[in-house]
N, C-alpha and C. Protein backbone atom coordinates (compact mmCIF):
# COMPACT_ATOMS: atom_id res chain seq x y z
N MET A 1 17.30 36.94 47.40
CA MET A 1 16.91 37.61 46.16
C MET A 1 16.10 36.60 45.33
N ALA A 2 14.97 37.08 44.80
CA ALA A 2 14.10 36.21 44.01
C ALA A 2 14.68 36.01 42.62
N LEU A 3 14.56 34.79 42.12
CA LEU A 3 15.12 34.47 40.82
C LEU A 3 14.43 35.23 39.68
N GLU A 4 13.11 35.54 39.81
CA GLU A 4 12.42 36.25 38.72
C GLU A 4 12.92 37.68 38.55
N THR A 5 13.52 38.25 39.60
CA THR A 5 14.09 39.60 39.45
C THR A 5 15.50 39.55 38.88
N VAL A 6 16.15 38.41 38.93
CA VAL A 6 17.49 38.27 38.38
C VAL A 6 17.42 37.89 36.91
N PHE A 7 16.58 36.88 36.60
CA PHE A 7 16.48 36.39 35.23
C PHE A 7 15.31 37.07 34.51
N CYS A 8 15.52 38.32 34.12
CA CYS A 8 14.49 39.08 33.41
C CYS A 8 15.17 40.16 32.58
N PHE A 9 14.40 40.72 31.66
CA PHE A 9 14.89 41.86 30.88
C PHE A 9 14.54 43.12 31.65
N LYS A 10 15.52 44.01 31.80
CA LYS A 10 15.33 45.23 32.59
C LYS A 10 15.55 46.44 31.71
N GLU A 11 14.62 47.38 31.77
CA GLU A 11 14.70 48.62 31.00
C GLU A 11 14.40 49.80 31.93
N GLN A 12 15.18 50.87 31.81
CA GLN A 12 14.92 52.10 32.57
C GLN A 12 13.90 52.94 31.81
N ARG A 13 12.93 53.47 32.51
CA ARG A 13 11.90 54.32 31.92
C ARG A 13 11.63 55.49 32.86
N THR A 14 11.19 56.61 32.28
CA THR A 14 10.71 57.76 33.05
C THR A 14 9.20 57.75 32.98
N VAL A 15 8.55 57.90 34.13
CA VAL A 15 7.10 57.84 34.21
C VAL A 15 6.50 59.06 33.51
N ALA A 16 5.49 58.81 32.67
CA ALA A 16 4.82 59.86 31.89
C ALA A 16 3.91 60.70 32.79
N PRO A 17 3.44 61.87 32.30
CA PRO A 17 2.54 62.73 33.09
C PRO A 17 1.23 62.07 33.48
N ASP A 18 0.84 60.99 32.81
CA ASP A 18 -0.40 60.31 33.18
C ASP A 18 -0.13 59.08 34.06
N ASN A 19 1.05 59.04 34.71
CA ASN A 19 1.45 57.96 35.61
C ASN A 19 1.53 56.61 34.91
N THR A 20 2.00 56.57 33.68
CA THR A 20 2.15 55.32 32.94
C THR A 20 3.59 55.15 32.49
N VAL A 21 3.95 53.89 32.27
CA VAL A 21 5.22 53.55 31.62
C VAL A 21 4.90 52.60 30.49
N GLN A 22 5.73 52.63 29.48
CA GLN A 22 5.49 51.78 28.31
C GLN A 22 6.75 51.00 28.00
N LEU A 23 6.56 49.72 27.71
CA LEU A 23 7.65 48.87 27.27
C LEU A 23 7.14 48.11 26.06
N GLY A 24 7.61 48.53 24.90
CA GLY A 24 7.11 47.91 23.66
C GLY A 24 5.63 48.20 23.49
N GLU A 25 4.84 47.15 23.31
CA GLU A 25 3.39 47.32 23.15
C GLU A 25 2.65 47.33 24.48
N HIS A 26 3.35 47.05 25.56
CA HIS A 26 2.72 47.00 26.89
C HIS A 26 2.76 48.38 27.54
N ARG A 27 1.65 48.72 28.16
CA ARG A 27 1.53 50.01 28.85
C ARG A 27 0.93 49.74 30.23
N ARG A 28 1.58 50.22 31.28
CA ARG A 28 1.14 49.96 32.65
C ARG A 28 0.87 51.28 33.37
N GLN A 29 -0.23 51.30 34.13
CA GLN A 29 -0.60 52.46 34.96
C GLN A 29 -0.05 52.21 36.36
N LEU A 30 0.74 53.14 36.88
CA LEU A 30 1.33 52.99 38.21
C LEU A 30 0.35 53.52 39.26
N LEU A 31 0.11 52.73 40.28
CA LEU A 31 -0.82 53.10 41.35
C LEU A 31 -0.08 53.81 42.47
N PRO A 32 -0.77 54.65 43.25
CA PRO A 32 -0.10 55.35 44.36
C PRO A 32 0.48 54.35 45.35
N GLY A 33 1.64 54.70 45.90
CA GLY A 33 2.29 53.83 46.87
C GLY A 33 2.17 54.39 48.27
N PRO A 34 2.77 53.72 49.24
CA PRO A 34 2.68 54.20 50.62
C PRO A 34 3.47 55.49 50.85
N THR A 35 4.48 55.74 50.02
CA THR A 35 5.30 56.93 50.21
C THR A 35 5.06 58.00 49.15
N ARG A 36 4.40 57.63 48.04
CA ARG A 36 4.19 58.59 46.94
C ARG A 36 2.77 58.46 46.40
N ARG A 37 2.16 59.59 46.12
CA ARG A 37 0.84 59.58 45.49
C ARG A 37 0.97 59.52 43.98
N SER A 38 2.04 60.09 43.46
CA SER A 38 2.25 60.16 42.02
C SER A 38 3.68 59.76 41.71
N TRP A 39 3.85 59.09 40.57
CA TRP A 39 5.17 58.66 40.14
C TRP A 39 5.65 59.47 38.93
N VAL A 40 5.00 60.58 38.61
CA VAL A 40 5.33 61.37 37.43
C VAL A 40 6.80 61.79 37.49
N ARG A 41 7.50 61.59 36.38
CA ARG A 41 8.92 61.91 36.18
C ARG A 41 9.89 61.05 36.99
N ALA A 42 9.40 60.06 37.70
CA ALA A 42 10.30 59.18 38.43
C ALA A 42 10.98 58.23 37.44
N VAL A 43 12.24 57.94 37.67
CA VAL A 43 12.95 56.97 36.83
C VAL A 43 12.75 55.61 37.47
N VAL A 44 12.14 54.69 36.73
CA VAL A 44 11.82 53.37 37.25
C VAL A 44 12.47 52.31 36.36
N GLU A 45 12.52 51.10 36.87
CA GLU A 45 13.04 49.96 36.12
C GLU A 45 11.86 49.05 35.80
N VAL A 46 11.61 48.85 34.50
CA VAL A 46 10.54 47.95 34.07
C VAL A 46 11.18 46.60 33.79
N GLN A 47 10.67 45.57 34.45
CA GLN A 47 11.21 44.22 34.30
C GLN A 47 10.22 43.38 33.50
N GLU A 48 10.71 42.82 32.41
CA GLU A 48 9.89 41.87 31.64
C GLU A 48 10.36 40.48 32.05
N ARG A 49 9.51 39.80 32.78
CA ARG A 49 9.86 38.50 33.34
C ARG A 49 9.79 37.42 32.27
N LEU A 50 10.40 36.27 32.55
CA LEU A 50 10.43 35.17 31.58
C LEU A 50 9.05 34.59 31.30
N ASP A 51 8.11 34.75 32.25
CA ASP A 51 6.74 34.28 32.02
C ASP A 51 5.90 35.28 31.22
N GLY A 52 6.50 36.43 30.83
CA GLY A 52 5.81 37.43 30.02
C GLY A 52 5.19 38.56 30.83
N SER A 53 5.21 38.46 32.14
CA SER A 53 4.61 39.50 32.97
C SER A 53 5.57 40.69 33.09
N LEU A 54 5.02 41.83 33.47
CA LEU A 54 5.81 43.05 33.69
C LEU A 54 5.77 43.42 35.16
N ALA A 55 6.88 43.90 35.66
CA ALA A 55 6.96 44.42 37.02
C ALA A 55 7.69 45.76 36.95
N VAL A 56 7.30 46.70 37.80
CA VAL A 56 7.92 48.02 37.83
C VAL A 56 8.57 48.21 39.19
N ASP A 57 9.86 48.56 39.18
CA ASP A 57 10.65 48.69 40.39
C ASP A 57 11.17 50.13 40.50
N HIS A 58 11.09 50.69 41.72
CA HIS A 58 11.65 52.01 41.98
C HIS A 58 12.52 51.92 43.21
N GLN A 59 13.81 52.05 43.04
CA GLN A 59 14.80 52.01 44.11
C GLN A 59 14.63 50.78 45.00
N GLY A 60 14.47 49.62 44.36
CA GLY A 60 14.38 48.36 45.10
C GLY A 60 13.01 48.00 45.60
N THR A 61 12.00 48.82 45.35
CA THR A 61 10.63 48.55 45.79
C THR A 61 9.74 48.33 44.58
N LEU A 62 8.96 47.24 44.58
CA LEU A 62 8.03 46.98 43.49
C LEU A 62 6.83 47.91 43.62
N ILE A 63 6.39 48.45 42.50
CA ILE A 63 5.24 49.37 42.46
C ILE A 63 4.04 48.62 41.92
N ALA A 64 2.90 48.79 42.56
CA ALA A 64 1.67 48.16 42.08
C ALA A 64 1.23 48.82 40.78
N THR A 65 0.84 48.00 39.80
CA THR A 65 0.43 48.53 38.49
C THR A 65 -0.84 47.83 38.04
N THR A 66 -1.50 48.47 37.07
CA THR A 66 -2.64 47.87 36.38
C THR A 66 -2.44 48.11 34.89
N ALA A 67 -3.19 47.37 34.09
CA ALA A 67 -3.12 47.59 32.65
C ALA A 67 -3.68 48.97 32.34
N ALA A 68 -3.03 49.70 31.45
CA ALA A 68 -3.48 51.04 31.06
C ALA A 68 -3.95 50.99 29.63
N PRO A 69 -4.91 51.86 29.26
CA PRO A 69 -5.33 51.91 27.86
C PRO A 69 -4.17 52.37 26.99
N LEU A 70 -4.26 52.08 25.70
CA LEU A 70 -3.18 52.46 24.80
C LEU A 70 -2.92 53.95 24.83
N GLU A 71 -3.97 54.75 24.88
CA GLU A 71 -3.83 56.20 24.97
C GLU A 71 -4.59 56.68 26.19
N ALA A 72 -3.92 56.74 27.32
CA ALA A 72 -4.55 57.23 28.54
C ALA A 72 -4.74 58.73 28.42
N PRO A 73 -5.93 59.25 28.75
CA PRO A 73 -6.17 60.70 28.62
C PRO A 73 -5.39 61.47 29.68
N THR A 74 -4.94 62.63 29.31
CA THR A 74 -4.26 63.53 30.23
C THR A 74 -5.27 64.56 30.72
N LEU A 75 -5.45 64.65 32.01
CA LEU A 75 -6.41 65.60 32.57
C LEU A 75 -5.75 66.95 32.72
N ARG A 76 -6.47 67.99 32.35
CA ARG A 76 -5.97 69.35 32.48
C ARG A 76 -7.04 70.19 33.16
N ALA A 77 -6.61 71.16 33.93
CA ALA A 77 -7.54 72.05 34.60
C ALA A 77 -8.19 72.96 33.58
N ARG A 78 -9.49 73.17 33.76
CA ARG A 78 -10.21 74.08 32.87
C ARG A 78 -10.11 75.50 33.41
N ALA A 79 -10.16 76.46 32.51
CA ALA A 79 -10.16 77.86 32.93
C ALA A 79 -11.51 78.20 33.52
N GLY A 80 -11.52 79.07 34.49
CA GLY A 80 -12.79 79.51 35.06
C GLY A 80 -13.14 78.71 36.30
N ARG A 81 -14.33 78.95 36.80
CA ARG A 81 -14.80 78.32 38.01
C ARG A 81 -15.48 77.01 37.71
N LEU A 82 -15.27 76.02 38.54
CA LEU A 82 -15.95 74.75 38.37
C LEU A 82 -17.29 74.81 39.10
N THR A 83 -18.33 74.39 38.43
CA THR A 83 -19.66 74.37 39.03
C THR A 83 -20.30 73.02 38.76
N ASN A 84 -21.41 72.76 39.41
CA ASN A 84 -22.13 71.52 39.20
C ASN A 84 -23.24 71.67 38.16
N THR A 85 -23.23 72.75 37.42
CA THR A 85 -24.25 72.96 36.41
C THR A 85 -23.87 72.21 35.15
N PRO A 86 -24.86 71.78 34.36
CA PRO A 86 -24.52 71.07 33.12
C PRO A 86 -23.81 72.01 32.15
N ALA A 87 -23.08 71.40 31.26
CA ALA A 87 -22.32 72.18 30.28
C ALA A 87 -23.27 72.92 29.34
N ALA A 88 -22.83 74.08 28.88
CA ALA A 88 -23.63 74.88 27.96
C ALA A 88 -23.73 74.16 26.62
N PRO A 89 -24.86 74.31 25.90
CA PRO A 89 -24.98 73.65 24.60
C PRO A 89 -23.94 74.19 23.63
N GLN A 90 -23.44 73.30 22.81
CA GLN A 90 -22.42 73.67 21.83
C GLN A 90 -23.06 74.44 20.68
N PRO A 91 -22.35 75.43 20.11
CA PRO A 91 -22.89 76.14 18.95
C PRO A 91 -22.96 75.19 17.75
N PRO A 92 -23.82 75.49 16.80
CA PRO A 92 -23.93 74.60 15.64
C PRO A 92 -22.62 74.56 14.86
N ALA A 93 -22.47 73.49 14.11
CA ALA A 93 -21.27 73.32 13.29
C ALA A 93 -21.18 74.44 12.27
N PRO A 94 -19.97 74.79 11.80
CA PRO A 94 -19.82 75.90 10.86
C PRO A 94 -20.67 75.73 9.59
N ALA A 95 -20.84 74.52 9.10
CA ALA A 95 -21.62 74.32 7.88
C ALA A 95 -23.10 74.60 8.12
N ALA A 96 -23.57 74.41 9.36
CA ALA A 96 -24.99 74.59 9.65
C ALA A 96 -25.35 76.05 9.93
N ARG A 97 -24.38 76.88 10.21
CA ARG A 97 -24.66 78.29 10.49
C ARG A 97 -25.07 79.02 9.22
N ALA A 98 -26.01 79.96 9.39
CA ALA A 98 -26.44 80.77 8.24
C ALA A 98 -25.36 81.81 7.96
N ARG A 99 -25.11 82.05 6.72
CA ARG A 99 -24.11 83.04 6.34
C ARG A 99 -24.79 84.41 6.27
N THR A 100 -24.41 85.31 7.16
CA THR A 100 -24.98 86.65 7.17
C THR A 100 -23.84 87.66 7.20
N ALA A 101 -24.09 88.79 6.61
CA ALA A 101 -23.10 89.86 6.59
C ALA A 101 -23.16 90.60 7.92
N PRO A 102 -22.07 91.16 8.38
CA PRO A 102 -22.12 91.94 9.62
C PRO A 102 -23.03 93.16 9.45
N ALA A 103 -23.64 93.61 10.55
CA ALA A 103 -24.60 94.71 10.51
C ALA A 103 -23.94 95.98 9.97
N THR A 104 -22.83 96.39 10.54
CA THR A 104 -22.11 97.56 10.03
C THR A 104 -20.64 97.21 9.97
N PRO A 105 -20.01 97.43 8.86
CA PRO A 105 -18.58 97.11 8.77
C PRO A 105 -17.77 98.08 9.62
N ALA A 106 -16.71 97.59 10.17
CA ALA A 106 -15.83 98.43 10.97
C ALA A 106 -15.07 99.37 10.04
N PRO A 107 -14.93 100.65 10.44
CA PRO A 107 -14.20 101.58 9.56
C PRO A 107 -12.74 101.18 9.47
N SER A 108 -12.20 101.31 8.27
CA SER A 108 -10.81 100.91 8.07
C SER A 108 -9.84 102.00 8.51
N THR A 109 -10.29 103.27 8.48
CA THR A 109 -9.44 104.37 8.94
C THR A 109 -10.20 105.14 9.99
N PRO A 110 -9.52 105.75 10.94
CA PRO A 110 -10.24 106.51 11.96
C PRO A 110 -10.91 107.74 11.36
N ARG A 111 -12.10 108.03 11.86
CA ARG A 111 -12.83 109.20 11.37
C ARG A 111 -12.30 110.46 12.05
N PRO A 112 -12.32 111.61 11.35
CA PRO A 112 -11.89 112.86 12.00
C PRO A 112 -12.95 113.30 13.01
N PRO A 113 -12.54 114.03 14.05
CA PRO A 113 -13.53 114.50 15.02
C PRO A 113 -14.51 115.50 14.41
N ALA A 114 -15.66 115.61 15.02
CA ALA A 114 -16.70 116.54 14.54
C ALA A 114 -16.19 117.98 14.62
N ALA A 115 -16.87 118.88 13.91
CA ALA A 115 -16.42 120.27 13.83
C ALA A 115 -16.43 120.95 15.20
N ASP A 116 -17.37 120.57 16.08
CA ASP A 116 -17.45 121.21 17.39
C ASP A 116 -16.71 120.41 18.48
N HIS A 117 -15.93 119.44 18.08
CA HIS A 117 -15.20 118.62 19.06
C HIS A 117 -14.06 119.45 19.65
N PRO A 118 -13.80 119.28 20.97
CA PRO A 118 -12.74 120.08 21.61
C PRO A 118 -11.34 119.83 21.02
N TRP A 119 -11.14 118.70 20.39
CA TRP A 119 -9.82 118.43 19.83
C TRP A 119 -9.57 119.18 18.53
N ARG A 120 -10.61 119.73 17.96
CA ARG A 120 -10.41 120.52 16.75
C ARG A 120 -9.62 121.77 17.12
N GLY A 121 -8.88 122.32 16.23
CA GLY A 121 -8.01 123.47 16.52
C GLY A 121 -8.72 124.76 16.82
N GLY A 122 -10.02 124.89 16.55
CA GLY A 122 -10.70 126.16 16.71
C GLY A 122 -11.26 126.39 18.09
N GLY A 123 -10.73 125.74 19.13
CA GLY A 123 -11.23 125.92 20.48
C GLY A 123 -10.88 127.30 21.02
N ARG A 124 -11.52 127.70 22.13
CA ARG A 124 -11.19 129.04 22.65
C ARG A 124 -9.89 128.98 23.43
N ARG A 125 -9.19 130.09 23.37
CA ARG A 125 -7.89 130.17 24.02
C ARG A 125 -8.02 130.97 25.31
N GLN A 126 -7.06 130.75 26.19
CA GLN A 126 -7.03 131.49 27.44
C GLN A 126 -6.63 132.94 27.15
N PRO A 127 -7.32 133.89 27.78
CA PRO A 127 -6.89 135.28 27.59
C PRO A 127 -5.47 135.47 28.14
N GLU A 128 -4.78 136.41 27.53
CA GLU A 128 -3.41 136.63 27.94
C GLU A 128 -3.38 137.15 29.37
N GLY A 129 -2.43 136.64 30.14
CA GLY A 129 -2.28 137.06 31.53
C GLY A 129 -3.08 136.21 32.50
N THR A 130 -3.72 135.15 32.04
CA THR A 130 -4.48 134.29 32.95
C THR A 130 -3.71 133.01 33.17
N ASP A 131 -3.93 132.44 34.32
CA ASP A 131 -3.34 131.16 34.67
C ASP A 131 -4.30 130.07 34.18
N SER A 132 -3.76 128.92 33.81
CA SER A 132 -4.64 127.87 33.28
C SER A 132 -5.59 127.36 34.34
N LEU A 133 -5.25 127.47 35.64
CA LEU A 133 -6.13 127.03 36.70
C LEU A 133 -7.02 128.16 37.21
N ASN A 134 -6.60 129.37 37.02
CA ASN A 134 -7.37 130.51 37.50
C ASN A 134 -7.76 131.34 36.27
N THR A 135 -9.04 131.52 36.05
CA THR A 135 -9.52 132.24 34.88
C THR A 135 -9.55 133.75 35.09
N GLN A 136 -9.25 134.23 36.29
CA GLN A 136 -9.23 135.65 36.55
C GLN A 136 -7.89 136.24 36.08
N PRO A 137 -7.94 137.39 35.45
CA PRO A 137 -6.67 138.00 35.03
C PRO A 137 -5.79 138.31 36.23
N GLN A 138 -4.51 138.11 36.06
CA GLN A 138 -3.54 138.37 37.12
C GLN A 138 -3.11 139.83 37.04
N PRO A 139 -2.99 140.51 38.21
CA PRO A 139 -2.50 141.91 38.17
C PRO A 139 -1.05 141.93 37.74
N ARG A 140 -0.75 142.90 36.91
CA ARG A 140 0.65 143.05 36.48
C ARG A 140 1.43 143.79 37.54
N SER A 141 2.62 143.40 37.73
CA SER A 141 3.41 144.08 38.74
C SER A 141 4.44 144.99 38.13
């Protein structure tokens, strides 16, 4: 057993969604290992050695790390299809847009149907003795 792993400060940490762990002001990016591509949500042991260096251990195996920025960006999938076309130009800022009134305001209440609309009550009725599917009068029995 190496003395630097015995004489060090050890802290348990859960790996963040951006594959980083933080101990105080230090932030380390965990690199893919031979058995895992991602360490997200893994519980690891961060060792602060007496010489000031940091080491990250997972179940007895040291994980390769690099220095990470203070705020590593989290990548998220975009909605829609990915293409190789350049991004569409952004619309102007709200202050730069001209203030115009809408062409026609939306009605606040629904309008009644026109006088000749079929939903109006004055539609023609079926003659008595006719079936709704057959317009011919039915013989009475």
